[in-house]
Amino acid sequence: MKEKVFEKDNQWVKKITLFITSQSISLFGSSLVQFAIMWYITLQTKSGAMMTISTLCGFLPQILISLFAGVWADRYDRKKLIVISDALIAISTLVLAIFFLCGFKRIWLLFVVSAVRSLGSGVQTPATNAIIPQFVPEDKLMKVNGLNQTCCSLITLISPVVSGAVLGVIGIEMVFFIDVFTAIIGISVLLFIKIDRCQQRAQESKISCFRDIASGFCYIKKNKLLVTMIIFSACINILLSPAAILTPLLIARNYGSEIWKLTANEMAFSIGAMVGGIGITIWGGFKNKTHTIGISAIVLGILTSGIGLVNTIILFLFVDVVAGLALPFFSSPFIVFLQEMVEDEMRGRVFSIVQIISTGALPIGMMIFGPLSDVLSLKYIFIGTGLLMGLLGIILFFTKAMRQYAHTIKYSTNATTNCGKMAGYSE
């Protein structure tokens, strides 16, 4: 019935266009500040310890707030949550800009604002992922998420260039004001979009946040397919951590430490990811999303091993571009999988839990592969993690539960009372 309504009402196209536009404008400003803060701390302190503190301030608050943010996304108006979190980030950046203009340029102030911005992102992300299926038809979710991935990749590509130019020519204060300006535009556009609230349970306000958090874990636990995919995604993210973090070190050790090589590495991956985002938007992936996810994991594994096998910087950059191209074919279908599998009133909690797991996968991976890179060649690490990724992709692709995925997108009214077990799924 919902799909028929969507077919008659093409307003969803206008809504998603405005929504992605508003979020992209806001993200652009946030990305500028992210790079500016990182580079400012690096140039002012030249301290690894300070960079570690900055990283923790950017990650930990987001992880800590995410569980509660998921509950809020299921209880309250998601659009208002996005607006409030965006406004919080902008206000904190404005305060920082004023302090810096007045000559109060303290590193600890950057840490505080980074933590506040991280809190805002922790609230915004589950609400954003959960709100899209409220006004986008189910069969269009892949294309929409692919388009969103493309916009994010484009912003990732141009943000370092713009941030570096503004930081070098005008100063970091102007970067802060640009973020405030883009946030105002993004919020203004979002306010013009009419998005109906999802139906919440009548007794929801009487349930404690902790009980709602527990219900989110219970919902996931009772769905074997959901558990399998979340564990699979976490393992892939851990195995991808060397490719995400250690490629500059691999370049410096094997190809030289020239700045253009490190810059080319970042741009190559971003260009590939942008093209991949366009590709998944046009194609839409296989009808069974787990097939797209499994095959892309195999391809990512082959390419990660390829990074360890190539011997020239040109071949390295070529493999890097193709790896960036393959990533959206993994990440976008996974988001759509969650959006399809999880009921609307549980989406915020599930996405917050997934966000915590995916965010935590990177530091976990670095705790393993970071120290290992000092005693073992990075080439061997890349080859090994690539082979493991490929093996996981093969296992996923041929798992019986995954092949039954196409028959599981049927919701039951008893799903929530049974902690979200889907009636349509049978082993």
Protein backbone atom coordinates (compact mmCIF):
# COMPACT_ATOMS: atom_id res chain seq x y z
CA MET A 1 0.00 0.00 0.00
CA LYS A 2 2.85 2.37 0.88
CA GLU A 3 4.50 1.82 -2.51
CA LYS A 4 1.28 2.74 -4.36
CA VAL A 5 1.06 5.99 -2.42
CA PHE A 6 4.63 6.81 -3.36
CA GLU A 7 3.94 6.09 -7.04
CA LYS A 8 1.04 8.54 -7.08
CA ASP A 9 2.91 11.15 -5.09
CA ASN A 10 6.12 12.17 -6.86
CA GLN A 11 6.77 14.79 -4.21
CA TRP A 12 9.32 12.42 -2.70
CA VAL A 13 11.74 13.29 -5.55
CA LYS A 14 11.59 16.97 -4.64
CA LYS A 15 11.92 16.15 -0.95
CA ILE A 16 14.96 13.88 -1.30
CA THR A 17 16.64 16.38 -3.65
CA LEU A 18 16.23 19.15 -1.11
CA PHE A 19 17.21 16.85 1.74
CA ILE A 20 20.47 15.66 0.12
CA THR A 21 21.21 19.26 -0.92
CA SER A 22 20.76 20.55 2.62
CA GLN A 23 22.90 17.78 4.13
CA SER A 24 25.62 18.15 1.48
CA ILE A 25 25.90 21.90 2.06
CA SER A 26 26.14 21.35 5.80
CA LEU A 27 28.62 18.48 5.36
CA PHE A 28 30.85 20.64 3.16
CA GLY A 29 31.26 23.22 5.91
CA SER A 30 31.85 20.54 8.53
CA SER A 31 34.50 18.89 6.37
CA LEU A 32 36.32 22.20 5.95
CA VAL A 33 36.47 22.63 9.72
CA GLN A 34 37.53 19.03 10.26
CA PHE A 35 40.56 19.40 7.99
CA ALA A 36 41.37 22.89 9.28
CA ILE A 37 41.42 21.77 12.93
CA MET A 38 43.52 18.70 12.12
CA TRP A 39 46.08 20.69 10.13
CA TYR A 40 46.16 23.57 12.64
CA ILE A 41 46.93 21.22 15.53
CA THR A 42 49.53 19.40 13.44
CA LEU A 43 51.34 22.60 12.40
CA GLN A 44 51.13 24.26 15.82
CA THR A 45 52.15 21.31 18.00
CA LYS A 46 53.83 18.76 15.71
CA SER A 47 52.83 16.32 18.45
CA GLY A 48 51.51 12.81 17.98
CA ALA A 49 50.01 12.94 21.48
CA MET A 50 48.02 16.06 20.59
CA MET A 51 46.76 14.42 17.40
CA THR A 52 45.70 11.38 19.44
CA ILE A 53 43.75 13.60 21.86
CA SER A 54 42.13 15.37 18.91
CA THR A 55 41.12 12.02 17.39
CA LEU A 56 39.63 10.83 20.68
CA CYS A 57 37.66 14.07 21.05
CA GLY A 58 36.29 13.49 17.57
CA PHE A 59 35.30 9.85 18.12
CA LEU A 60 34.47 9.12 21.76
CA PRO A 61 31.58 11.59 22.31
CA GLN A 62 29.92 10.33 19.12
CA ILE A 63 30.20 6.74 20.30
CA LEU A 64 28.90 7.56 23.79
CA ILE A 65 25.87 9.55 22.62
CA SER A 66 24.91 7.25 19.76
CA LEU A 67 22.90 4.79 21.86
CA PHE A 68 20.74 7.55 23.32
CA ALA A 69 20.56 9.28 19.93
CA GLY A 70 19.04 6.16 18.41
CA VAL A 71 16.30 6.14 21.06
CA TRP A 72 15.63 9.84 20.47
CA ALA A 73 15.42 9.21 16.71
CA ASP A 74 12.69 6.64 17.36
CA ARG A 75 10.83 8.76 19.93
CA TYR A 76 10.95 12.28 18.56
CA ASP A 77 10.71 14.14 15.27
CA ARG A 78 13.82 13.12 13.30
CA LYS A 79 13.80 16.28 11.23
CA LYS A 80 13.92 18.42 14.37
CA LEU A 81 16.77 16.29 15.74
CA ILE A 82 18.79 16.91 12.58
CA VAL A 83 18.11 20.65 12.75
CA ILE A 84 18.97 20.88 16.46
CA SER A 85 22.21 18.90 16.09
CA ASP A 86 23.25 20.97 13.05
CA ALA A 87 22.51 24.17 14.97
CA LEU A 88 24.51 22.92 17.99
CA ILE A 89 27.51 22.24 15.76
CA ALA A 90 27.22 25.66 14.11
CA ILE A 91 26.89 27.53 17.41
CA SER A 92 29.95 25.80 18.87
CA THR A 93 31.93 26.69 15.74
CA LEU A 94 30.74 30.31 15.90
CA VAL A 95 31.89 30.59 19.52
CA LEU A 96 35.26 29.14 18.50
CA ALA A 97 35.57 31.64 15.64
CA ILE A 98 34.86 34.58 17.98
CA PHE A 99 37.46 33.38 20.51
CA PHE A 100 40.08 33.01 17.78
CA LEU A 101 39.28 36.46 16.34
CA CYS A 102 39.78 37.91 19.83
CA GLY A 103 43.24 36.33 19.96
CA PHE A 104 42.33 33.50 22.35
CA LYS A 105 43.85 30.70 20.29
CA ARG A 106 44.16 27.71 22.59
CA ILE A 107 44.56 24.11 21.49
CA TRP A 108 42.35 22.85 24.30
CA LEU A 109 39.54 25.01 22.92
CA LEU A 110 39.78 23.09 19.65
CA PHE A 111 39.50 19.85 21.62
CA VAL A 112 36.35 21.06 23.41
CA VAL A 113 34.66 22.20 20.20
CA SER A 114 35.66 18.97 18.45
CA ALA A 115 33.94 17.04 21.25
CA VAL A 116 30.77 19.16 20.95
CA ARG A 117 30.75 18.71 17.18
CA SER A 118 31.18 14.97 17.71
CA LEU A 119 28.13 14.93 19.99
CA GLY A 120 26.12 16.70 17.31
CA SER A 121 27.22 14.20 14.67
CA GLY A 122 26.32 11.33 16.97
CA VAL A 123 22.75 12.61 17.21
CA GLN A 124 22.46 13.57 13.55
CA THR A 125 23.70 10.38 11.86
CA PRO A 126 21.09 7.86 13.19
CA ALA A 127 18.30 10.38 12.58
CA THR A 128 19.47 11.02 9.00
CA ASN A 129 19.72 7.32 8.11
CA ALA A 130 16.37 6.58 9.73
CA ILE A 131 14.42 9.46 8.18
CA ILE A 132 15.14 8.74 4.49
CA PRO A 133 12.83 5.66 4.23
CA GLN A 134 9.97 7.77 5.63
CA PHE A 135 9.55 9.57 2.31
CA VAL A 136 11.52 7.52 -0.25
CA PRO A 137 9.93 4.43 -1.89
CA GLU A 138 11.61 1.18 -0.92
CA ASP A 139 12.62 0.32 -4.49
CA LYS A 140 14.37 3.70 -4.82
CA LEU A 141 16.44 3.49 -1.62
CA MET A 142 19.53 2.07 -3.36
CA LYS A 143 19.63 4.85 -5.94
CA VAL A 144 19.07 7.50 -3.29
CA ASN A 145 21.79 6.17 -1.00
CA GLY A 146 24.12 5.83 -3.98
CA LEU A 147 23.49 9.47 -4.89
CA ASN A 148 24.13 10.47 -1.28
CA GLN A 149 27.40 8.48 -1.33
CA THR A 150 28.44 10.30 -4.51
CA CYS A 151 27.82 13.69 -2.94
CA CYS A 152 29.80 12.71 0.16
CA SER A 153 32.72 11.49 -2.00
CA LEU A 154 32.71 14.72 -4.01
CA ILE A 155 32.81 16.75 -0.80
CA THR A 156 35.63 14.57 0.53
CA LEU A 157 37.52 15.25 -2.70
CA ILE A 158 37.23 19.05 -2.73
CA SER A 159 37.15 19.83 1.01
CA PRO A 160 40.91 19.40 1.67
CA VAL A 161 41.74 21.66 -1.28
CA VAL A 162 39.31 24.42 -0.27
CA SER A 163 40.16 24.15 3.43
CA GLY A 164 43.90 24.32 2.73
CA ALA A 165 43.47 27.33 0.43
CA VAL A 166 41.33 29.29 2.90
CA LEU A 167 43.53 28.29 5.84
CA GLY A 168 46.70 29.38 4.05
CA VAL A 169 45.43 32.61 2.48
CA ILE A 170 42.90 34.03 4.95
CA GLY A 171 43.19 32.05 8.19
CA ILE A 172 41.38 29.42 10.21
CA GLU A 173 38.75 31.90 11.46
CA MET A 174 37.30 32.23 7.97
CA VAL A 175 36.98 28.44 7.75
CA PHE A 176 34.92 28.52 10.94
CA PHE A 177 32.62 31.26 9.57
CA ILE A 178 32.14 29.34 6.31
CA ASP A 179 30.92 26.35 8.37
CA VAL A 180 28.43 28.55 10.23
CA PHE A 181 27.20 30.00 6.93
CA THR A 182 26.77 26.56 5.29
CA ALA A 183 24.95 25.28 8.40
CA ILE A 184 22.47 28.18 8.21
CA ILE A 185 21.80 27.40 4.53
CA GLY A 186 21.47 23.67 5.19
CA ILE A 187 19.06 24.17 8.09
CA SER A 188 16.98 26.69 6.11
CA VAL A 189 16.58 24.27 3.20
CA LEU A 190 15.68 21.40 5.54
CA LEU A 191 13.00 23.46 7.29
CA PHE A 192 11.14 23.84 3.98
CA ILE A 193 10.80 20.05 3.58
CA LYS A 194 7.56 18.61 4.93
CA ILE A 195 8.29 15.17 6.40
CA ASP A 196 5.57 13.34 8.30
CA ARG A 197 6.57 11.88 11.64
CA CYS A 198 6.64 8.12 11.92
CA GLN A 199 4.10 6.63 14.31
CA GLN A 200 5.52 6.14 17.78
CA ARG A 201 4.15 3.87 20.44
CA ALA A 202 1.67 5.65 22.69
CA GLN A 203 3.44 4.57 25.86
CA GLU A 204 6.91 5.43 24.52
CA SER A 205 7.43 8.51 26.65
CA LYS A 206 6.94 6.41 29.78
CA ILE A 207 9.68 3.95 28.83
CA SER A 208 13.17 4.72 30.10
CA CYS A 209 15.96 5.36 27.62
CA PHE A 210 17.89 2.37 28.94
CA ARG A 211 14.94 0.04 28.35
CA ASP A 212 14.63 1.39 24.83
CA ILE A 213 18.36 0.85 24.26
CA ALA A 214 17.98 -2.72 25.50
CA SER A 215 15.04 -3.22 23.16
CA GLY A 216 17.29 -2.18 20.26
CA PHE A 217 19.85 -4.87 21.12
CA CYS A 218 17.01 -7.35 21.63
CA TYR A 219 15.55 -6.48 18.23
CA ILE A 220 18.87 -7.20 16.53
CA LYS A 221 19.52 -10.34 18.56
CA LYS A 222 16.21 -11.91 17.57
CA ASN A 223 16.87 -11.44 13.85
CA LYS A 224 19.51 -13.94 12.69
CA LEU A 225 19.89 -12.26 9.30
CA LEU A 226 20.46 -8.85 10.88
CA VAL A 227 23.03 -10.23 13.34
CA THR A 228 24.92 -11.95 10.54
CA MET A 229 25.12 -8.83 8.40
CA ILE A 230 26.18 -6.53 11.25
CA ILE A 231 28.93 -8.92 12.35
CA PHE A 232 30.03 -9.30 8.73
CA SER A 233 30.17 -5.52 8.25
CA ALA A 234 32.15 -5.07 11.48
CA CYS A 235 34.72 -7.67 10.38
CA ILE A 236 35.09 -6.03 6.97
CA ASN A 237 35.55 -2.60 8.58
CA ILE A 238 38.26 -3.95 10.88
CA LEU A 239 40.05 -5.55 7.92
CA LEU A 240 39.73 -2.30 5.95
CA SER A 241 41.41 -0.25 8.70
CA PRO A 242 44.96 -0.69 7.29
CA ALA A 243 43.77 0.53 3.88
CA ALA A 244 41.98 3.46 5.54
CA ILE A 245 44.81 4.60 7.81
CA LEU A 246 48.13 2.99 6.87
CA THR A 247 48.32 3.71 3.12
CA PRO A 248 50.32 6.97 3.69
CA LEU A 249 52.81 4.95 5.74
CA LEU A 250 52.96 2.31 3.00
CA ILE A 251 53.67 5.02 0.42
CA ALA A 252 56.36 6.65 2.57
CA ARG A 253 58.12 3.34 3.19
CA ASN A 254 57.95 1.97 -0.33
CA TYR A 255 57.54 4.84 -2.79
CA GLY A 256 58.92 7.92 -1.04
CA SER A 257 57.50 10.63 1.20
CA GLU A 258 56.90 13.36 -1.38
CA ILE A 259 53.79 15.39 -0.60
CA TRP A 260 52.32 14.94 -4.09
CA LYS A 261 52.26 11.16 -3.61
CA LEU A 262 50.34 11.43 -0.34
CA THR A 263 47.93 13.94 -1.88
CA ALA A 264 47.47 11.78 -4.98
CA ASN A 265 46.59 8.85 -2.70
CA GLU A 266 43.74 10.78 -1.06
CA MET A 267 42.45 12.16 -4.35
CA ALA A 268 42.65 8.80 -6.18
CA PHE A 269 40.45 7.06 -3.63
CA SER A 270 37.96 9.94 -3.47
CA ILE A 271 37.64 10.08 -7.27
CA GLY A 272 37.04 6.33 -7.37
CA ALA A 273 34.43 6.55 -4.61
CA MET A 274 32.63 9.36 -6.43
CA VAL A 275 32.46 7.35 -9.66
CA GLY A 276 31.39 4.26 -7.69
CA GLY A 277 28.62 6.25 -6.04
CA ILE A 278 27.35 7.31 -9.47
CA GLY A 279 27.57 3.69 -10.62
CA ILE A 280 25.50 2.25 -7.77
CA THR A 281 22.99 5.10 -8.22
CA ILE A 282 22.48 4.25 -11.90
CA TRP A 283 22.59 0.46 -11.56
CA GLY A 284 20.94 -0.02 -8.18
CA GLY A 285 22.68 -3.32 -7.44
CA PHE A 286 21.26 -6.84 -7.49
CA LYS A 287 17.69 -7.31 -6.25
CA ASN A 288 19.16 -9.32 -3.39
CA LYS A 289 21.26 -6.69 -1.62
CA THR A 290 23.42 -9.30 0.12
CA HIS A 291 24.69 -10.48 -3.27
CA THR A 292 25.91 -6.96 -4.05
CA ILE A 293 27.49 -6.69 -0.60
CA GLY A 294 29.18 -10.10 -0.82
CA ILE A 295 30.60 -9.59 -4.32
CA SER A 296 31.85 -6.09 -3.46
CA ALA A 297 33.57 -7.51 -0.36
CA ILE A 298 35.35 -10.07 -2.57
CA VAL A 299 36.41 -7.31 -5.00
CA LEU A 300 37.60 -5.10 -2.11
CA GLY A 301 39.61 -8.04 -0.79
CA ILE A 302 41.28 -8.61 -4.17
CA LEU A 303 42.11 -4.91 -4.50
CA THR A 304 43.43 -4.64 -0.93
CA SER A 305 45.77 -7.57 -1.63
CA GLY A 306 46.66 -5.86 -4.91
CA ILE A 307 47.83 -2.78 -2.99
CA GLY A 308 50.33 -5.03 -1.24
CA LEU A 309 51.45 -6.70 -4.47
CA VAL A 310 52.10 -3.72 -6.77
CA ASN A 311 55.62 -2.29 -7.05
CA THR A 312 55.19 1.20 -8.54
CA ILE A 313 53.35 4.31 -7.36
CA ILE A 314 51.41 4.50 -10.65
CA LEU A 315 50.04 0.96 -10.23
CA PHE A 316 49.34 1.71 -6.57
CA LEU A 317 47.26 4.78 -7.48
CA PHE A 318 45.40 2.80 -10.15
CA VAL A 319 44.45 0.10 -7.63
CA ASP A 320 43.53 2.85 -5.15
CA VAL A 321 41.10 4.41 -7.63
CA VAL A 322 39.44 1.05 -8.34
CA ALA A 323 39.21 0.30 -4.60
CA GLY A 324 37.47 3.64 -4.07
CA LEU A 325 35.12 2.77 -6.91
CA ALA A 326 34.22 -0.57 -5.28
CA LEU A 327 33.51 0.80 -1.78
CA PRO A 328 30.07 2.38 -2.52
CA PHE A 329 28.91 -1.00 -3.85
CA PHE A 330 29.48 -2.30 -0.31
CA SER A 331 28.42 0.62 1.89
CA SER A 332 25.28 1.81 0.05
CA PRO A 333 23.62 -1.66 -0.21
CA PHE A 334 24.39 -2.26 3.47
CA ILE A 335 22.57 0.93 4.48
CA VAL A 336 19.64 0.01 2.22
CA PHE A 337 19.62 -3.50 3.70
CA LEU A 338 19.16 -2.03 7.18
CA GLN A 339 16.55 0.45 5.99
CA GLU A 340 14.53 -2.36 4.41
CA MET A 341 14.95 -4.94 7.17
CA VAL A 342 14.24 -2.73 10.18
CA GLU A 343 10.82 -1.36 11.04
CA ASP A 344 10.44 2.40 11.10
CA GLU A 345 9.91 2.70 14.86
CA MET A 346 13.12 0.72 15.54
CA ARG A 347 15.35 2.23 12.86
CA GLY A 348 16.97 4.91 14.99
CA ARG A 349 18.10 2.44 17.66
CA VAL A 350 19.41 -0.08 15.16
CA PHE A 351 21.32 2.55 13.18
CA SER A 352 22.86 3.96 16.37
CA ILE A 353 24.11 0.51 17.37
CA VAL A 354 25.50 -0.09 13.88
CA GLN A 355 27.14 3.35 14.01
CA ILE A 356 28.88 2.50 17.28
CA ILE A 357 30.12 -0.83 15.90
CA SER A 358 31.38 0.68 12.63
CA THR A 359 32.98 3.66 14.38
CA GLY A 360 34.67 1.37 16.91
CA ALA A 361 35.94 -0.98 14.19
CA LEU A 362 38.58 1.51 13.04
CA PRO A 363 40.39 1.96 16.39
CA ILE A 364 40.09 -1.79 17.05
CA GLY A 365 41.71 -2.50 13.70
CA MET A 366 44.46 0.01 14.37
CA MET A 367 45.17 -1.54 17.78
CA ILE A 368 45.86 -4.78 15.90
CA PHE A 369 47.51 -3.66 12.67
CA GLY A 370 49.24 -0.48 13.90
CA PRO A 371 51.75 -2.23 16.19
CA LEU A 372 51.94 -5.15 13.73
CA SER A 373 53.11 -2.76 10.98
CA ASP A 374 56.28 -2.05 13.00
CA VAL A 375 57.32 -5.70 13.02
CA LEU A 376 55.85 -6.95 9.74
CA SER A 377 55.96 -5.50 6.23
CA LEU A 378 52.83 -3.49 5.40
CA LYS A 379 52.67 -5.28 2.07
CA TYR A 380 52.09 -8.59 3.88
CA ILE A 381 49.44 -6.97 6.10
CA PHE A 382 47.55 -5.67 3.06
CA ILE A 383 47.79 -9.02 1.29
CA GLY A 384 46.60 -10.89 4.40
CA THR A 385 43.67 -8.59 5.19
CA GLY A 386 42.64 -8.66 1.53
CA LEU A 387 42.56 -12.46 1.46
CA LEU A 388 40.47 -12.54 4.65
CA MET A 389 38.02 -10.00 3.18
CA GLY A 390 37.65 -12.06 0.04
CA LEU A 391 37.06 -15.22 2.09
CA LEU A 392 34.36 -13.50 4.15
CA GLY A 393 32.69 -12.27 0.97
CA ILE A 394 32.62 -15.79 -0.45
CA ILE A 395 31.18 -17.19 2.79
CA LEU A 396 28.49 -14.49 2.84
CA PHE A 397 27.58 -15.01 -0.81
CA PHE A 398 26.97 -18.71 -0.36
CA THR A 399 25.28 -18.57 3.05
CA LYS A 400 21.74 -19.98 2.90
CA ALA A 401 20.30 -17.23 5.10
CA MET A 402 21.67 -14.59 2.74
CA ARG A 403 20.12 -16.23 -0.32
CA GLN A 404 16.74 -16.10 1.44
CA TYR A 405 17.04 -12.35 2.00
CA ALA A 406 14.68 -11.44 -0.84
CA HIS A 407 11.87 -13.30 0.94
CA THR A 408 12.42 -11.69 4.34
CA ILE A 409 11.31 -8.11 3.72
CA LYS A 410 7.88 -8.72 5.17
CA TYR A 411 7.02 -7.09 8.44
CA SER A 412 4.87 -8.42 11.21
CA THR A 413 2.82 -6.36 13.62
CA ASN A 414 4.26 -8.60 16.34
CA ALA A 415 7.83 -7.65 15.46
CA THR A 416 8.19 -4.91 18.03
CA THR A 417 6.54 -6.75 20.89
CA ASN A 418 8.79 -9.72 20.19
CA CYS A 419 11.84 -7.45 20.19
CA GLY A 420 11.60 -7.16 16.44
CA LYS A 421 11.75 -10.77 15.27
CA MET A 422 10.56 -10.80 11.67
CA ALA A 423 7.73 -13.14 10.98
CA GLY A 424 8.68 -13.49 7.33
CA TYR A 425 12.08 -15.03 8.02
CA SER A 426 12.49 -18.75 8.36
CA GLU A 427 15.67 -20.70 8.62
